[in-house]
Amino acid sequence: VVYMGAANIAEISERLIAHDMPAATPVLVIANAT
């Protein structure tokens, strides 16, 4: 669960893939939840 990551999501996803998280891992984004 990534908090406050909107501005850096490109870098976050690149690093996770570099650490062998599958590129096809599903992601759900929720803005203004509830």
PDB file of all heavy atoms in Angstrom:
ATOM      1  N   VAL A   1       0.866  -1.179   0.000  1.00  0.00           N
ATOM      2  CA  VAL A   1       0.000   0.000   0.000  1.00  0.00           C
ATOM      3  C   VAL A   1       0.903   1.229   0.000  1.00  0.00           C
ATOM      4  O   VAL A   1       1.712   1.414   0.909  1.00  0.00           O
ATOM      5  CB  VAL A   1      -0.923   0.022   1.233  1.00  0.00           C
ATOM      6  CG1 VAL A   1      -1.817   1.254   1.193  1.00  0.00           C
ATOM      7  CG2 VAL A   1      -1.757  -1.257   1.307  1.00  0.00           C
ATOM      8  N   VAL A   2       0.769   2.058  -1.021  1.00  0.00           N
ATOM      9  CA  VAL A   2       1.615   3.243  -1.155  1.00  0.00           C
ATOM     10  C   VAL A   2       0.784   4.491  -0.885  1.00  0.00           C
ATOM     11  O   VAL A   2      -0.175   4.781  -1.600  1.00  0.00           O
ATOM     12  CB  VAL A   2       2.245   3.328  -2.559  1.00  0.00           C
ATOM     13  CG1 VAL A   2       3.147   4.564  -2.644  1.00  0.00           C
ATOM     14  CG2 VAL A   2       3.043   2.062  -2.867  1.00  0.00           C
ATOM     15  N   TYR A   3       1.162   5.200   0.165  1.00  0.00           N
ATOM     16  CA  TYR A   3       0.555   6.487   0.501  1.00  0.00           C
ATOM     17  C   TYR A   3       1.367   7.598  -0.165  1.00  0.00           C
ATOM     18  O   TYR A   3       2.583   7.495  -0.303  1.00  0.00           O
ATOM     19  CB  TYR A   3       0.596   6.721   2.011  1.00  0.00           C
ATOM     20  CG  TYR A   3      -0.329   5.883   2.848  1.00  0.00           C
ATOM     21  CD1 TYR A   3      -0.113   4.515   3.024  1.00  0.00           C
ATOM     22  CD2 TYR A   3      -1.418   6.451   3.511  1.00  0.00           C
ATOM     23  CE1 TYR A   3      -0.952   3.741   3.820  1.00  0.00           C
ATOM     24  CE2 TYR A   3      -2.265   5.687   4.311  1.00  0.00           C
ATOM     25  CZ  TYR A   3      -2.021   4.345   4.458  1.00  0.00           C
ATOM     26  OH  TYR A   3      -2.862   3.587   5.251  1.00  0.00           O
ATOM     27  N   MET A   4       0.690   8.670  -0.544  1.00  0.00           N
ATOM     28  CA  MET A   4       1.363   9.888  -1.030  1.00  0.00           C
ATOM     29  C   MET A   4       2.341   9.589  -2.160  1.00  0.00           C
ATOM     30  O   MET A   4       3.427  10.152  -2.226  1.00  0.00           O
ATOM     31  CB  MET A   4       2.091  10.586   0.131  1.00  0.00           C
ATOM     32  CG  MET A   4       1.181  10.999   1.264  1.00  0.00           C
ATOM     33  SD  MET A   4       2.061  11.624   2.722  1.00  0.00           S
ATOM     34  CE  MET A   4       2.744  10.102   3.396  1.00  0.00           C
ATOM     35  N   GLY A   5       1.943   8.715  -3.075  1.00  0.00           N
ATOM     36  CA  GLY A   5       2.859   8.292  -4.127  1.00  0.00           C
ATOM     37  C   GLY A   5       2.545   8.786  -5.519  1.00  0.00           C
ATOM     38  O   GLY A   5       3.232   8.420  -6.475  1.00  0.00           O
ATOM     39  N   ALA A   6       1.533   9.633  -5.671  1.00  0.00           N
ATOM     40  CA  ALA A   6       1.114  10.035  -7.014  1.00  0.00           C
ATOM     41  C   ALA A   6       2.229  10.712  -7.801  1.00  0.00           C
ATOM     42  O   ALA A   6       2.421  10.434  -8.987  1.00  0.00           O
ATOM     43  CB  ALA A   6      -0.109  10.946  -6.931  1.00  0.00           C
ATOM     44  N   ALA A   7       2.970  11.595  -7.163  1.00  0.00           N
ATOM     45  CA  ALA A   7       4.006  12.340  -7.880  1.00  0.00           C
ATOM     46  C   ALA A   7       5.187  11.470  -8.270  1.00  0.00           C
ATOM     47  O   ALA A   7       5.909  11.786  -9.227  1.00  0.00           O
ATOM     48  CB  ALA A   7       4.488  13.519  -7.023  1.00  0.00           C
ATOM     49  N   ASN A   8       5.383  10.361  -7.550  1.00  0.00           N
ATOM     50  CA  ASN A   8       6.562   9.524  -7.775  1.00  0.00           C
ATOM     51  C   ASN A   8       6.234   8.122  -8.260  1.00  0.00           C
ATOM     52  O   ASN A   8       7.082   7.236  -8.199  1.00  0.00           O
ATOM     53  CB  ASN A   8       7.376   9.419  -6.468  1.00  0.00           C
ATOM     54  CG  ASN A   8       7.948  10.742  -6.033  1.00  0.00           C
ATOM     55  OD1 ASN A   8       8.500  11.488  -6.837  1.00  0.00           O
ATOM     56  ND2 ASN A   8       7.816  11.061  -4.754  1.00  0.00           N
ATOM     57  N   ILE A   9       5.016   7.901  -8.758  1.00  0.00           N
ATOM     58  CA  ILE A   9       4.618   6.542  -9.099  1.00  0.00           C
ATOM     59  C   ILE A   9       5.460   5.957 -10.225  1.00  0.00           C
ATOM     60  O   ILE A   9       5.681   4.734 -10.261  1.00  0.00           O
ATOM     61  CB  ILE A   9       3.106   6.473  -9.439  1.00  0.00           C
ATOM     62  CG1 ILE A   9       2.651   5.015  -9.502  1.00  0.00           C
ATOM     63  CG2 ILE A   9       2.810   7.236 -10.701  1.00  0.00           C
ATOM     64  CD1 ILE A   9       2.878   4.228  -8.233  1.00  0.00           C
ATOM     65  N   ALA A  10       5.956   6.767 -11.138  1.00  0.00           N
ATOM     66  CA  ALA A  10       6.811   6.234 -12.206  1.00  0.00           C
ATOM     67  C   ALA A  10       8.077   5.624 -11.613  1.00  0.00           C
ATOM     68  O   ALA A  10       8.466   4.495 -11.955  1.00  0.00           O
ATOM     69  CB  ALA A  10       7.158   7.341 -13.201  1.00  0.00           C
ATOM     70  N   GLU A  11       8.722   6.354 -10.720  1.00  0.00           N
ATOM     71  CA  GLU A  11       9.939   5.842 -10.082  1.00  0.00           C
ATOM     72  C   GLU A  11       9.640   4.633  -9.206  1.00  0.00           C
ATOM     73  O   GLU A  11      10.398   3.656  -9.188  1.00  0.00           O
ATOM     74  CB  GLU A  11      10.581   6.946  -9.243  1.00  0.00           C
ATOM     75  CG  GLU A  11      11.867   6.516  -8.552  1.00  0.00           C
ATOM     76  CD  GLU A  11      12.482   7.621  -7.707  1.00  0.00           C
ATOM     77  OE1 GLU A  11      11.949   8.749  -7.718  1.00  0.00           O
ATOM     78  OE2 GLU A  11      13.491   7.341  -7.015  1.00  0.00           O
ATOM     79  N   ILE A  12       8.532   4.678  -8.482  1.00  0.00           N
ATOM     80  CA  ILE A  12       8.171   3.568  -7.601  1.00  0.00           C
ATOM     81  C   ILE A  12       7.952   2.297  -8.415  1.00  0.00           C
ATOM     82  O   ILE A  12       8.480   1.224  -8.079  1.00  0.00           O
ATOM     83  CB  ILE A  12       6.900   3.920  -6.804  1.00  0.00           C
ATOM     84  CG1 ILE A  12       7.200   5.037  -5.798  1.00  0.00           C
ATOM     85  CG2 ILE A  12       6.355   2.685  -6.077  1.00  0.00           C
ATOM     86  CD1 ILE A  12       5.965   5.652  -5.187  1.00  0.00           C
ATOM     87  N   SER A  13       7.183   2.382  -9.490  1.00  0.00           N
ATOM     88  CA  SER A  13       6.912   1.193 -10.299  1.00  0.00           C
ATOM     89  C   SER A  13       8.186   0.660 -10.949  1.00  0.00           C
ATOM     90  O   SER A  13       8.404  -0.557 -11.007  1.00  0.00           O
ATOM     91  CB  SER A  13       5.858   1.507 -11.362  1.00  0.00           C
ATOM     92  OG  SER A  13       6.265   2.565 -12.208  1.00  0.00           O
ATOM     93  N   GLU A  14       9.049   1.548 -11.423  1.00  0.00           N
ATOM     94  CA  GLU A  14      10.308   1.112 -12.035  1.00  0.00           C
ATOM     95  C   GLU A  14      11.180   0.357 -11.038  1.00  0.00           C
ATOM     96  O   GLU A  14      11.768  -0.680 -11.367  1.00  0.00           O
ATOM     97  CB  GLU A  14      11.064   2.326 -12.578  1.00  0.00           C
ATOM     98  CG  GLU A  14      10.433   2.943 -13.813  1.00  0.00           C
ATOM     99  CD  GLU A  14      11.097   4.243 -14.206  1.00  0.00           C
ATOM    100  OE1 GLU A  14      12.070   4.652 -13.508  1.00  0.00           O
ATOM    101  OE2 GLU A  14      10.646   4.875 -15.190  1.00  0.00           O
ATOM    102  N   ARG A  15      11.251   0.853  -9.812  1.00  0.00           N
ATOM    103  CA  ARG A  15      12.100   0.197  -8.812  1.00  0.00           C
ATOM    104  C   ARG A  15      11.518  -1.147  -8.389  1.00  0.00           C
ATOM    105  O   ARG A  15      12.254  -2.106  -8.152  1.00  0.00           O
ATOM    106  CB  ARG A  15      12.281   1.106  -7.601  1.00  0.00           C
ATOM    107  CG  ARG A  15      13.076   2.355  -7.902  1.00  0.00           C
ATOM    108  CD  ARG A  15      13.665   2.934  -6.634  1.00  0.00           C
ATOM    109  NE  ARG A  15      14.166   4.274  -6.829  1.00  0.00           N
ATOM    110  CZ  ARG A  15      14.783   4.977  -5.881  1.00  0.00           C
ATOM    111  NH1 ARG A  15      14.932   4.452  -4.671  1.00  0.00           N
ATOM    112  NH2 ARG A  15      15.220   6.196  -6.113  1.00  0.00           N
ATOM    113  N   LEU A  16      10.196  -1.232  -8.276  1.00  0.00           N
ATOM    114  CA  LEU A  16       9.589  -2.505  -7.907  1.00  0.00           C
ATOM    115  C   LEU A  16       9.836  -3.555  -8.986  1.00  0.00           C
ATOM    116  O   LEU A  16      10.145  -4.715  -8.684  1.00  0.00           O
ATOM    117  CB  LEU A  16       8.092  -2.319  -7.673  1.00  0.00           C
ATOM    118  CG  LEU A  16       7.709  -1.516  -6.432  1.00  0.00           C
ATOM    119  CD1 LEU A  16       6.198  -1.266  -6.401  1.00  0.00           C
ATOM    120  CD2 LEU A  16       8.145  -2.231  -5.151  1.00  0.00           C
ATOM    121  N   ILE A  17       9.708  -3.156 -10.239  1.00  0.00           N
ATOM    122  CA  ILE A  17       9.987  -4.085 -11.333  1.00  0.00           C
ATOM    123  C   ILE A  17      11.460  -4.477 -11.334  1.00  0.00           C
ATOM    124  O   ILE A  17      11.814  -5.644 -11.571  1.00  0.00           O
ATOM    125  CB  ILE A  17       9.569  -3.464 -12.680  1.00  0.00           C
ATOM    126  CG1 ILE A  17       8.037  -3.339 -12.746  1.00  0.00           C
ATOM    127  CG2 ILE A  17      10.085  -4.292 -13.857  1.00  0.00           C
ATOM    128  CD1 ILE A  17       7.530  -2.561 -13.944  1.00  0.00           C
ATOM    129  N   ALA A  18      12.342  -3.525 -11.038  1.00  0.00           N
ATOM    130  CA  ALA A  18      13.773  -3.827 -10.961  1.00  0.00           C
ATOM    131  C   ALA A  18      14.082  -4.825  -9.858  1.00  0.00           C
ATOM    132  O   ALA A  18      15.062  -5.588  -9.945  1.00  0.00           O
ATOM    133  CB  ALA A  18      14.565  -2.540 -10.742  1.00  0.00           C
ATOM    134  N   HIS A  19      13.253  -4.848  -8.818  1.00  0.00           N
ATOM    135  CA  HIS A  19      13.420  -5.814  -7.718  1.00  0.00           C
ATOM    136  C   HIS A  19      12.605  -7.082  -7.959  1.00  0.00           C
ATOM    137  O   HIS A  19      12.318  -7.836  -7.035  1.00  0.00           O
ATOM    138  CB  HIS A  19      13.006  -5.171  -6.390  1.00  0.00           C
ATOM    139  CG  HIS A  19      14.002  -4.183  -5.859  1.00  0.00           C
ATOM    140  ND1 HIS A  19      15.354  -4.444  -5.757  1.00  0.00           N
ATOM    141  CD2 HIS A  19      13.837  -2.913  -5.392  1.00  0.00           C
ATOM    142  CE1 HIS A  19      15.971  -3.399  -5.251  1.00  0.00           C
ATOM    143  NE2 HIS A  19      15.088  -2.454  -5.026  1.00  0.00           N
ATOM    144  N   ASP A  20      12.233  -7.307  -9.217  1.00  0.00           N
ATOM    145  CA  ASP A  20      11.599  -8.552  -9.672  1.00  0.00           C
ATOM    146  C   ASP A  20      10.125  -8.685  -9.326  1.00  0.00           C
ATOM    147  O   ASP A  20       9.581  -9.794  -9.363  1.00  0.00           O
ATOM    148  CB  ASP A  20      12.358  -9.786  -9.146  1.00  0.00           C
ATOM    149  CG  ASP A  20      13.779  -9.857  -9.687  1.00  0.00           C
ATOM    150  OD1 ASP A  20      13.975  -9.475 -10.860  1.00  0.00           O
ATOM    151  OD2 ASP A  20      14.683 -10.284  -8.939  1.00  0.00           O
ATOM    152  N   MET A  21       9.442  -7.588  -9.008  1.00  0.00           N
ATOM    153  CA  MET A  21       7.991  -7.680  -8.943  1.00  0.00           C
ATOM    154  C   MET A  21       7.488  -7.764 -10.383  1.00  0.00           C
ATOM    155  O   MET A  21       7.891  -6.959 -11.221  1.00  0.00           O
ATOM    156  CB  MET A  21       7.383  -6.466  -8.237  1.00  0.00           C
ATOM    157  CG  MET A  21       5.854  -6.527  -8.154  1.00  0.00           C
ATOM    158  SD  MET A  21       5.111  -5.153  -7.204  1.00  0.00           S
ATOM    159  CE  MET A  21       5.309  -5.760  -5.515  1.00  0.00           C
ATOM    160  N   PRO A  22       6.630  -8.727 -10.708  1.00  0.00           N
ATOM    161  CA  PRO A  22       6.170  -8.877 -12.089  1.00  0.00           C
ATOM    162  C   PRO A  22       5.543  -7.608 -12.637  1.00  0.00           C
ATOM    163  O   PRO A  22       4.763  -6.930 -11.959  1.00  0.00           O
ATOM    164  CB  PRO A  22       5.142 -10.009 -11.988  1.00  0.00           C
ATOM    165  CG  PRO A  22       5.565 -10.793 -10.782  1.00  0.00           C
ATOM    166  CD  PRO A  22       6.110  -9.785  -9.815  1.00  0.00           C
ATOM    167  N   ALA A  23       5.882  -7.289 -13.884  1.00  0.00           N
ATOM    168  CA  ALA A  23       5.348  -6.077 -14.508  1.00  0.00           C
ATOM    169  C   ALA A  23       3.835  -6.134 -14.646  1.00  0.00           C
ATOM    170  O   ALA A  23       3.171  -5.097 -14.713  1.00  0.00           O
ATOM    171  CB  ALA A  23       5.991  -5.878 -15.880  1.00  0.00           C
ATOM    172  N   ALA A  24       3.281  -7.351 -14.668  1.00  0.00           N
ATOM    173  CA  ALA A  24       1.833  -7.509 -14.821  1.00  0.00           C
ATOM    174  C   ALA A  24       1.092  -7.473 -13.490  1.00  0.00           C
ATOM    175  O   ALA A  24      -0.120  -7.696 -13.453  1.00  0.00           O
ATOM    176  CB  ALA A  24       1.533  -8.825 -15.536  1.00  0.00           C
ATOM    177  N   THR A  25       1.788  -7.183 -12.383  1.00  0.00           N
ATOM    178  CA  THR A  25       1.134  -7.103 -11.078  1.00  0.00           C
ATOM    179  C   THR A  25       0.005  -6.075 -11.122  1.00  0.00           C
ATOM    180  O   THR A  25       0.217  -4.929 -11.531  1.00  0.00           O
ATOM    181  CB  THR A  25       2.144  -6.707  -9.987  1.00  0.00           C
ATOM    182  OG1 THR A  25       3.172  -7.685  -9.927  1.00  0.00           O
ATOM    183  CG2 THR A  25       1.461  -6.608  -8.623  1.00  0.00           C
ATOM    184  N   PRO A  26      -1.203  -6.464 -10.709  1.00  0.00           N
ATOM    185  CA  PRO A  26      -2.326  -5.516 -10.787  1.00  0.00           C
ATOM    186  C   PRO A  26      -2.204  -4.399  -9.753  1.00  0.00           C
ATOM    187  O   PRO A  26      -1.682  -4.597  -8.653  1.00  0.00           O
ATOM    188  CB  PRO A  26      -3.548  -6.393 -10.527  1.00  0.00           C
ATOM    189  CG  PRO A  26      -3.042  -7.567  -9.777  1.00  0.00           C
ATOM    190  CD  PRO A  26      -1.637  -7.801 -10.249  1.00  0.00           C
ATOM    191  N   VAL A  27      -2.714  -3.239 -10.124  1.00  0.00           N
ATOM    192  CA  VAL A  27      -2.685  -2.047  -9.260  1.00  0.00           C
ATOM    193  C   VAL A  27      -4.081  -1.439  -9.251  1.00  0.00           C
ATOM    194  O   VAL A  27      -4.714  -1.296 -10.299  1.00  0.00           O
ATOM    195  CB  VAL A  27      -1.677  -1.002  -9.769  1.00  0.00           C
ATOM    196  CG1 VAL A  27      -1.661   0.219  -8.847  1.00  0.00           C
ATOM    197  CG2 VAL A  27      -0.286  -1.603  -9.895  1.00  0.00           C
ATOM    198  N   LEU A  28      -4.537  -1.092  -8.075  1.00  0.00           N
ATOM    199  CA  LEU A  28      -5.792  -0.349  -7.934  1.00  0.00           C
ATOM    200  C   LEU A  28      -5.470   0.989  -7.286  1.00  0.00           C
ATOM    201  O   LEU A  28      -4.829   1.034  -6.226  1.00  0.00           O
ATOM    202  CB  LEU A  28      -6.800  -1.119  -7.078  1.00  0.00           C
ATOM    203  CG  LEU A  28      -8.136  -0.417  -6.789  1.00  0.00           C
ATOM    204  CD1 LEU A  28      -8.884  -0.102  -8.076  1.00  0.00           C
ATOM    205  CD2 LEU A  28      -9.003  -1.278  -5.864  1.00  0.00           C
ATOM    206  N   VAL A  29      -5.891   2.067  -7.909  1.00  0.00           N
ATOM    207  CA  VAL A  29      -5.678   3.416  -7.390  1.00  0.00           C
ATOM    208  C   VAL A  29      -7.018   3.959  -6.920  1.00  0.00           C
ATOM    209  O   VAL A  29      -8.011   3.852  -7.637  1.00  0.00           O
ATOM    210  CB  VAL A  29      -5.090   4.341  -8.466  1.00  0.00           C
ATOM    211  CG1 VAL A  29      -4.693   5.680  -7.855  1.00  0.00           C
ATOM    212  CG2 VAL A  29      -3.917   3.694  -9.173  1.00  0.00           C
ATOM    213  N   ILE A  30      -7.027   4.524  -5.717  1.00  0.00           N
ATOM    214  CA  ILE A  30      -8.248   5.119  -5.179  1.00  0.00           C
ATOM    215  C   ILE A  30      -7.936   6.554  -4.775  1.00  0.00           C
ATOM    216  O   ILE A  30      -7.055   6.794  -3.955  1.00  0.00           O
ATOM    217  CB  ILE A  30      -8.794   4.344  -3.969  1.00  0.00           C
ATOM    218  CG1 ILE A  30      -8.908   2.857  -4.278  1.00  0.00           C
ATOM    219  CG2 ILE A  30     -10.162   4.883  -3.561  1.00  0.00           C
ATOM    220  CD1 ILE A  30      -7.721   2.046  -3.824  1.00  0.00           C
ATOM    221  N   ALA A  31      -8.638   7.487  -5.360  1.00  0.00           N
ATOM    222  CA  ALA A  31      -8.502   8.902  -5.001  1.00  0.00           C
ATOM    223  C   ALA A  31      -9.712   9.316  -4.186  1.00  0.00           C
ATOM    224  O   ALA A  31     -10.846   8.955  -4.503  1.00  0.00           O
ATOM    225  CB  ALA A  31      -8.400   9.759  -6.256  1.00  0.00           C
ATOM    226  N   ASN A  32      -9.470  10.052  -3.109  1.00  0.00           N
ATOM    227  CA  ASN A  32     -10.558  10.540  -2.242  1.00  0.00           C
ATOM    228  C   ASN A  32     -11.441   9.389  -1.752  1.00  0.00           C
ATOM    229  O   ASN A  32     -12.673   9.462  -1.801  1.00  0.00           O
ATOM    230  CB  ASN A  32     -11.411  11.571  -2.978  1.00  0.00           C
ATOM    231  CG  ASN A  32     -10.655  12.828  -3.323  1.00  0.00           C
ATOM    232  OD1 ASN A  32     -10.240  13.577  -2.448  1.00  0.00           O
ATOM    233  ND2 ASN A  32     -10.442  13.060  -4.613  1.00  0.00           N
ATOM    234  N   ALA A  33     -10.813   8.334  -1.292  1.00  0.00           N
ATOM    235  CA  ALA A  33     -11.543   7.136  -0.875  1.00  0.00           C
ATOM    236  C   ALA A  33     -12.601   7.445   0.171  1.00  0.00           C
ATOM    237  O   ALA A  33     -12.381   8.242   1.085  1.00  0.00           O
ATOM    238  CB  ALA A  33     -10.569   6.091  -0.324  1.00  0.00           C
ATOM    239  N   THR A  34     -13.762   6.831   0.016  1.00  0.00           N
ATOM    240  CA  THR A  34     -14.910   6.873   0.931  1.00  0.00           C
ATOM    241  C   THR A  34     -15.664   8.202   0.900  1.00  0.00           C
ATOM    242  O   THR A  34     -16.550   8.412   1.711  1.00  0.00           O
ATOM    243  CB  THR A  34     -14.540   6.545   2.389  1.00  0.00           C
ATOM    244  OG1 THR A  34     -13.929   7.677   3.020  1.00  0.00           O
ATOM    245  CG2 THR A  34     -13.627   5.327   2.495  1.00  0.00           C
TER     246      THR A  34
END
